[in-house]
Amino acid sequence: MLAFLVAFFACLTLGMEMGLVIGASVDIAFLLFSNARPKVRVDTISVPKTSFFISPCTNQKSQIELQSACGPEYILAMPTQGLLFPAADFVRTKIQTSLEEYDENERTSKLPVVIDCRNIQKLDYTAAVVKYF
């Protein structure tokens, strides 16, 4: 709606050609910004403590000993849209800063990071390349 209003008033003041160019530029800027800065939710998840698990290979219950009182923990990152080239560095930086906020005695620096791809509709190769933090 904003691009329409900008184009409309630019057409009235600067002429039809310049108004269309300005309106298209504003619309492209909104598209680039939404692809370059997706919303990312980062949480630390604790799995409830159990004394057994079911093996996916044999479907047998196996006894395990968990180290934590509340079970194993991991970092869950959930981007709201596609991970394309402009967003790759932003998402990585967002996860790093969230890890620094959660960091308590370097506990979270050793936790695995799980990326929930439920909302991802587009994925670019450059966003999928693994970079170590």
N, C-alpha and C. Protein backbone atom coordinates (compact mmCIF):
# COMPACT_ATOMS: atom_id res chain seq x y z
N MET A 1 0.82 -1.18 0.00
CA MET A 1 0.00 0.00 0.00
C MET A 1 0.88 1.27 0.00
N LEU A 2 1.99 1.18 0.73
CA LEU A 2 2.87 2.34 0.79
C LEU A 2 3.52 2.61 -0.57
N ALA A 3 3.89 1.54 -1.28
CA ALA A 3 4.49 1.72 -2.60
C ALA A 3 3.48 2.37 -3.56
N PHE A 4 2.22 1.99 -3.43
CA PHE A 4 1.18 2.59 -4.28
C PHE A 4 1.05 4.08 -4.00
N LEU A 5 1.01 4.46 -2.72
CA LEU A 5 0.87 5.87 -2.37
C LEU A 5 2.08 6.68 -2.81
N VAL A 6 3.28 6.12 -2.65
CA VAL A 6 4.49 6.82 -3.09
C VAL A 6 4.46 7.00 -4.60
N ALA A 7 4.08 5.94 -5.33
CA ALA A 7 4.01 6.04 -6.79
C ALA A 7 2.94 7.03 -7.22
N PHE A 8 1.80 7.04 -6.54
CA PHE A 8 0.71 7.94 -6.90
C PHE A 8 1.13 9.40 -6.75
N PHE A 9 1.70 9.74 -5.59
CA PHE A 9 2.10 11.13 -5.38
C PHE A 9 3.31 11.51 -6.21
N ALA A 10 4.19 10.57 -6.51
CA ALA A 10 5.32 10.86 -7.39
C ALA A 10 4.84 11.11 -8.82
N CYS A 11 3.82 10.36 -9.24
CA CYS A 11 3.26 10.58 -10.58
C CYS A 11 2.60 11.95 -10.67
N LEU A 12 1.94 12.38 -9.61
CA LEU A 12 1.29 13.69 -9.62
C LEU A 12 2.30 14.83 -9.63
N THR A 13 3.41 14.65 -8.94
CA THR A 13 4.36 15.76 -8.82
C THR A 13 5.49 15.72 -9.85
N LEU A 14 5.98 14.52 -10.19
CA LEU A 14 7.17 14.42 -11.06
C LEU A 14 6.87 13.91 -12.46
N GLY A 15 5.69 13.48 -12.72
CA GLY A 15 5.36 12.93 -14.02
C GLY A 15 5.18 11.43 -13.96
N MET A 16 4.56 10.90 -15.00
CA MET A 16 4.20 9.48 -15.03
C MET A 16 5.42 8.56 -15.01
N GLU A 17 6.42 8.85 -15.84
CA GLU A 17 7.58 7.98 -15.95
C GLU A 17 8.36 7.90 -14.63
N MET A 18 8.64 9.05 -14.05
CA MET A 18 9.39 9.08 -12.80
C MET A 18 8.58 8.49 -11.65
N GLY A 19 7.29 8.69 -11.66
CA GLY A 19 6.43 8.13 -10.62
C GLY A 19 6.43 6.62 -10.64
N LEU A 20 6.37 6.04 -11.85
CA LEU A 20 6.41 4.58 -11.97
C LEU A 20 7.76 4.02 -11.56
N VAL A 21 8.84 4.70 -11.92
CA VAL A 21 10.17 4.24 -11.54
C VAL A 21 10.33 4.31 -10.02
N ILE A 22 9.87 5.38 -9.42
CA ILE A 22 9.98 5.53 -7.96
C ILE A 22 9.11 4.49 -7.25
N GLY A 23 7.89 4.26 -7.73
CA GLY A 23 7.02 3.26 -7.13
C GLY A 23 7.59 1.86 -7.23
N ALA A 24 8.15 1.52 -8.40
CA ALA A 24 8.76 0.20 -8.57
C ALA A 24 9.99 0.06 -7.67
N SER A 25 10.78 1.13 -7.52
CA SER A 25 11.96 1.08 -6.65
C SER A 25 11.58 0.87 -5.20
N VAL A 26 10.52 1.53 -4.74
CA VAL A 26 10.07 1.36 -3.36
C VAL A 26 9.58 -0.07 -3.14
N ASP A 27 8.85 -0.62 -4.11
CA ASP A 27 8.35 -1.99 -3.98
C ASP A 27 9.49 -3.00 -3.96
N ILE A 28 10.50 -2.82 -4.81
CA ILE A 28 11.66 -3.71 -4.82
C ILE A 28 12.43 -3.60 -3.50
N ALA A 29 12.53 -2.38 -2.95
CA ALA A 29 13.21 -2.20 -1.67
C ALA A 29 12.50 -2.97 -0.56
N PHE A 30 11.17 -2.97 -0.54
CA PHE A 30 10.42 -3.74 0.46
C PHE A 30 10.64 -5.24 0.28
N LEU A 31 10.67 -5.72 -0.96
CA LEU A 31 10.92 -7.14 -1.21
C LEU A 31 12.32 -7.54 -0.75
N LEU A 32 13.32 -6.73 -1.07
CA LEU A 32 14.68 -7.05 -0.67
C LEU A 32 14.83 -7.03 0.85
N PHE A 33 14.21 -6.07 1.52
CA PHE A 33 14.33 -5.98 2.97
C PHE A 33 13.67 -7.18 3.65
N SER A 34 12.50 -7.60 3.17
CA SER A 34 11.83 -8.75 3.79
C SER A 34 12.59 -10.05 3.57
N ASN A 35 13.30 -10.17 2.44
CA ASN A 35 14.11 -11.37 2.21
C ASN A 35 15.43 -11.32 2.95
N ALA A 36 15.95 -10.13 3.21
CA ALA A 36 17.26 -10.02 3.86
C ALA A 36 17.15 -10.03 5.38
N ARG A 37 16.01 -9.73 5.94
CA ARG A 37 15.84 -9.66 7.39
C ARG A 37 14.62 -10.45 7.84
N PRO A 38 14.65 -11.78 7.73
CA PRO A 38 13.50 -12.55 8.21
C PRO A 38 13.46 -12.58 9.73
N LYS A 39 12.30 -12.83 10.28
CA LYS A 39 12.18 -12.96 11.73
C LYS A 39 12.66 -14.35 12.13
N VAL A 40 13.47 -14.40 13.18
CA VAL A 40 14.01 -15.67 13.66
C VAL A 40 13.75 -15.74 15.17
N ARG A 41 13.10 -16.80 15.59
CA ARG A 41 12.86 -17.03 17.01
C ARG A 41 13.85 -18.07 17.49
N VAL A 42 14.60 -17.74 18.56
CA VAL A 42 15.61 -18.65 19.10
C VAL A 42 15.27 -18.92 20.56
N ASP A 43 15.14 -20.20 20.92
CA ASP A 43 14.81 -20.61 22.28
C ASP A 43 15.72 -21.74 22.72
N THR A 44 15.93 -21.84 24.03
CA THR A 44 16.61 -22.99 24.61
C THR A 44 15.53 -23.95 25.09
N ILE A 45 15.57 -25.18 24.61
CA ILE A 45 14.55 -26.17 24.91
C ILE A 45 15.15 -27.26 25.80
N SER A 46 14.43 -27.60 26.86
CA SER A 46 14.82 -28.71 27.73
C SER A 46 13.85 -29.86 27.53
N VAL A 47 14.39 -31.01 27.26
CA VAL A 47 13.58 -32.22 27.09
C VAL A 47 13.30 -32.78 28.49
N PRO A 48 12.05 -33.17 28.79
CA PRO A 48 11.78 -33.74 30.12
C PRO A 48 12.63 -34.98 30.36
N LYS A 49 13.08 -35.13 31.61
CA LYS A 49 13.96 -36.24 31.96
C LYS A 49 13.18 -37.55 31.93
N THR A 50 13.74 -38.52 31.25
CA THR A 50 13.18 -39.88 31.21
C THR A 50 14.30 -40.85 31.49
N SER A 51 13.94 -42.05 31.89
CA SER A 51 14.97 -43.04 32.18
C SER A 51 15.10 -44.07 31.07
N PHE A 52 14.33 -43.91 30.00
CA PHE A 52 14.44 -44.85 28.89
C PHE A 52 14.13 -44.12 27.59
N PHE A 53 14.51 -44.72 26.50
CA PHE A 53 14.12 -44.22 25.20
C PHE A 53 13.86 -45.42 24.31
N ILE A 54 13.10 -45.20 23.24
CA ILE A 54 12.79 -46.26 22.29
C ILE A 54 13.73 -46.12 21.11
N SER A 55 14.50 -47.13 20.85
CA SER A 55 15.45 -47.11 19.76
C SER A 55 14.70 -47.13 18.43
N PRO A 56 15.03 -46.21 17.50
CA PRO A 56 14.33 -46.20 16.22
C PRO A 56 14.65 -47.41 15.35
N CYS A 57 15.77 -48.06 15.62
CA CYS A 57 16.17 -49.20 14.79
C CYS A 57 15.46 -50.49 15.23
N THR A 58 15.38 -50.71 16.54
CA THR A 58 14.85 -51.99 17.03
C THR A 58 13.50 -51.87 17.72
N ASN A 59 13.03 -50.65 17.96
CA ASN A 59 11.78 -50.41 18.70
C ASN A 59 11.81 -51.05 20.08
N GLN A 60 12.99 -51.19 20.66
CA GLN A 60 13.16 -51.74 22.00
C GLN A 60 13.43 -50.60 22.98
N LYS A 61 12.92 -50.74 24.20
CA LYS A 61 13.23 -49.76 25.23
C LYS A 61 14.65 -50.01 25.73
N SER A 62 15.41 -48.91 25.85
CA SER A 62 16.78 -49.01 26.34
C SER A 62 16.95 -48.06 27.51
N GLN A 63 17.72 -48.47 28.50
CA GLN A 63 17.97 -47.63 29.66
C GLN A 63 19.13 -46.69 29.35
N ILE A 64 18.95 -45.42 29.70
CA ILE A 64 20.03 -44.44 29.56
C ILE A 64 20.11 -43.64 30.84
N GLU A 65 21.24 -43.05 31.07
CA GLU A 65 21.42 -42.19 32.23
C GLU A 65 21.64 -40.78 31.74
N LEU A 66 20.77 -39.86 32.13
CA LEU A 66 20.87 -38.48 31.70
C LEU A 66 21.66 -37.68 32.72
N GLN A 67 22.45 -36.74 32.22
CA GLN A 67 23.31 -35.95 33.09
C GLN A 67 22.54 -34.81 33.76
N SER A 68 21.56 -34.26 33.11
CA SER A 68 20.86 -33.08 33.61
C SER A 68 19.60 -33.49 34.37
N ALA A 69 19.23 -32.68 35.36
CA ALA A 69 18.02 -32.97 36.13
C ALA A 69 16.77 -32.76 35.30
N CYS A 70 16.83 -31.87 34.32
CA CYS A 70 15.64 -31.61 33.51
C CYS A 70 15.80 -32.18 32.10
N GLY A 71 16.75 -33.01 31.87
CA GLY A 71 16.92 -33.66 30.57
C GLY A 71 17.88 -32.89 29.68
N PRO A 72 18.15 -33.45 28.51
CA PRO A 72 19.07 -32.78 27.58
C PRO A 72 18.47 -31.48 27.05
N GLU A 73 19.32 -30.55 26.69
CA GLU A 73 18.88 -29.26 26.17
C GLU A 73 19.44 -29.06 24.77
N TYR A 74 18.76 -28.21 24.01
CA TYR A 74 19.24 -27.81 22.70
C TYR A 74 18.70 -26.43 22.38
N ILE A 75 19.30 -25.79 21.38
CA ILE A 75 18.87 -24.47 20.94
C ILE A 75 17.99 -24.66 19.71
N LEU A 76 16.79 -24.10 19.74
CA LEU A 76 15.84 -24.22 18.62
C LEU A 76 15.73 -22.87 17.94
N ALA A 77 16.06 -22.81 16.65
CA ALA A 77 15.94 -21.59 15.85
C ALA A 77 14.84 -21.81 14.82
N MET A 78 13.88 -20.88 14.77
CA MET A 78 12.75 -21.00 13.85
C MET A 78 12.64 -19.76 12.97
N PRO A 79 13.18 -19.79 11.73
CA PRO A 79 12.98 -18.68 10.81
C PRO A 79 11.54 -18.68 10.31
N THR A 80 11.01 -17.49 10.00
CA THR A 80 9.60 -17.40 9.61
C THR A 80 9.38 -17.52 8.11
N GLN A 81 10.43 -17.43 7.32
CA GLN A 81 10.27 -17.54 5.87
C GLN A 81 11.52 -18.15 5.26
N GLY A 82 11.68 -18.05 3.96
CA GLY A 82 12.79 -18.70 3.27
C GLY A 82 14.15 -18.21 3.70
N LEU A 83 15.14 -19.09 3.57
CA LEU A 83 16.54 -18.73 3.83
C LEU A 83 17.24 -18.57 2.49
N LEU A 84 17.34 -17.34 2.06
CA LEU A 84 18.00 -17.02 0.81
C LEU A 84 19.33 -16.34 1.09
N PHE A 85 20.11 -16.09 0.04
CA PHE A 85 21.44 -15.52 0.19
C PHE A 85 21.47 -14.24 1.03
N PRO A 86 20.58 -13.27 0.80
CA PRO A 86 20.66 -12.05 1.62
C PRO A 86 20.41 -12.29 3.11
N ALA A 87 19.70 -13.37 3.46
CA ALA A 87 19.34 -13.61 4.85
C ALA A 87 20.31 -14.54 5.59
N ALA A 88 21.21 -15.19 4.89
CA ALA A 88 22.06 -16.21 5.52
C ALA A 88 22.91 -15.63 6.63
N ASP A 89 23.59 -14.55 6.38
CA ASP A 89 24.45 -13.95 7.39
C ASP A 89 23.64 -13.36 8.54
N PHE A 90 22.48 -12.78 8.23
CA PHE A 90 21.62 -12.21 9.26
C PHE A 90 21.12 -13.28 10.22
N VAL A 91 20.68 -14.43 9.69
CA VAL A 91 20.17 -15.51 10.54
C VAL A 91 21.29 -16.07 11.40
N ARG A 92 22.46 -16.26 10.83
CA ARG A 92 23.60 -16.76 11.60
C ARG A 92 23.97 -15.80 12.72
N THR A 93 24.00 -14.51 12.43
CA THR A 93 24.31 -13.51 13.45
C THR A 93 23.24 -13.47 14.53
N LYS A 94 21.98 -13.61 14.14
CA LYS A 94 20.88 -13.62 15.11
C LYS A 94 21.00 -14.81 16.06
N ILE A 95 21.35 -15.97 15.54
CA ILE A 95 21.53 -17.15 16.39
C ILE A 95 22.72 -16.96 17.31
N GLN A 96 23.81 -16.40 16.81
CA GLN A 96 25.00 -16.16 17.63
C GLN A 96 24.70 -15.19 18.77
N THR A 97 24.01 -14.10 18.48
CA THR A 97 23.71 -13.14 19.54
C THR A 97 22.74 -13.72 20.56
N SER A 98 21.81 -14.55 20.12
CA SER A 98 20.90 -15.21 21.06
C SER A 98 21.65 -16.20 21.93
N LEU A 99 22.62 -16.90 21.37
CA LEU A 99 23.44 -17.80 22.17
C LEU A 99 24.24 -17.04 23.22
N GLU A 100 24.73 -15.87 22.88
CA GLU A 100 25.48 -15.07 23.85
C GLU A 100 24.57 -14.57 24.97
N GLU A 101 23.31 -14.29 24.65
CA GLU A 101 22.37 -13.85 25.68
C GLU A 101 22.04 -14.99 26.64
N TYR A 102 21.89 -16.20 26.11
CA TYR A 102 21.55 -17.35 26.94
C TYR A 102 22.76 -17.94 27.66
N ASP A 103 23.93 -17.53 27.27
CA ASP A 103 25.15 -18.17 27.78
C ASP A 103 25.29 -17.99 29.29
N GLU A 104 25.32 -19.10 30.00
CA GLU A 104 25.53 -19.11 31.44
C GLU A 104 26.70 -20.05 31.71
N ASN A 105 27.83 -19.49 32.03
CA ASN A 105 29.04 -20.27 32.32
C ASN A 105 29.41 -21.18 31.14
N GLU A 106 29.26 -20.68 29.95
CA GLU A 106 29.58 -21.40 28.71
C GLU A 106 28.78 -22.69 28.56
N ARG A 107 27.61 -22.74 29.19
CA ARG A 107 26.78 -23.94 29.09
C ARG A 107 26.16 -24.09 27.70
N THR A 108 25.64 -22.98 27.15
CA THR A 108 24.96 -23.07 25.87
C THR A 108 25.91 -23.12 24.69
N SER A 109 27.18 -22.81 24.88
CA SER A 109 28.11 -22.85 23.76
C SER A 109 28.35 -24.27 23.27
N LYS A 110 28.02 -25.26 24.10
CA LYS A 110 28.22 -26.65 23.71
C LYS A 110 26.91 -27.34 23.34
N LEU A 111 25.81 -26.61 23.35
CA LEU A 111 24.52 -27.20 23.01
C LEU A 111 24.35 -27.28 21.50
N PRO A 112 23.67 -28.33 21.02
CA PRO A 112 23.41 -28.40 19.58
C PRO A 112 22.36 -27.37 19.17
N VAL A 113 22.46 -26.90 17.94
CA VAL A 113 21.50 -25.95 17.38
C VAL A 113 20.63 -26.69 16.38
N VAL A 114 19.32 -26.63 16.57
CA VAL A 114 18.36 -27.27 15.68
C VAL A 114 17.60 -26.15 14.96
N ILE A 115 17.55 -26.21 13.64
CA ILE A 115 16.81 -25.22 12.87
C ILE A 115 15.51 -25.86 12.42
N ASP A 116 14.40 -25.29 12.88
CA ASP A 116 13.07 -25.78 12.52
C ASP A 116 12.71 -25.21 11.15
N CYS A 117 12.65 -26.07 10.16
CA CYS A 117 12.42 -25.64 8.77
C CYS A 117 10.94 -25.70 8.38
N ARG A 118 10.07 -25.71 9.36
CA ARG A 118 8.64 -25.82 9.08
C ARG A 118 8.12 -24.67 8.23
N ASN A 119 8.60 -23.45 8.46
CA ASN A 119 8.09 -22.28 7.75
C ASN A 119 8.92 -21.90 6.53
N ILE A 120 9.96 -22.63 6.25
CA ILE A 120 10.84 -22.29 5.13
C ILE A 120 10.22 -22.79 3.84
N GLN A 121 9.98 -21.84 2.93
CA GLN A 121 9.40 -22.18 1.63
C GLN A 121 10.43 -22.12 0.51
N LYS A 122 11.49 -21.34 0.72
CA LYS A 122 12.55 -21.21 -0.27
C LYS A 122 13.88 -21.39 0.43
N LEU A 123 14.82 -22.08 -0.23
CA LEU A 123 16.14 -22.28 0.34
C LEU A 123 17.17 -22.13 -0.76
N ASP A 124 18.19 -21.37 -0.49
CA ASP A 124 19.26 -21.12 -1.43
C ASP A 124 20.49 -21.91 -1.00
N TYR A 125 21.31 -22.31 -1.94
CA TYR A 125 22.51 -23.09 -1.63
C TYR A 125 23.44 -22.32 -0.70
N THR A 126 23.59 -21.03 -0.93
CA THR A 126 24.52 -20.25 -0.12
C THR A 126 24.06 -20.16 1.34
N ALA A 127 22.77 -20.28 1.59
CA ALA A 127 22.26 -20.27 2.97
C ALA A 127 22.44 -21.63 3.62
N ALA A 128 22.57 -22.68 2.82
CA ALA A 128 22.69 -24.03 3.37
C ALA A 128 24.13 -24.45 3.64
N VAL A 129 25.10 -23.65 3.19
CA VAL A 129 26.50 -23.99 3.42
C VAL A 129 26.79 -23.87 4.91
N VAL A 130 27.43 -24.90 5.46
CA VAL A 130 27.71 -24.93 6.89
C VAL A 130 28.93 -24.07 7.18
N LYS A 131 28.76 -23.15 8.13
CA LYS A 131 29.89 -22.34 8.61
C LYS A 131 29.96 -22.55 10.10
N TYR A 132 31.16 -22.79 10.58
CA TYR A 132 31.33 -22.99 12.01
C TYR A 132 31.44 -21.64 12.69
N PHE A 133 30.81 -21.52 13.82
CA PHE A 133 30.77 -20.25 14.56
C PHE A 133 32.09 -19.99 15.21
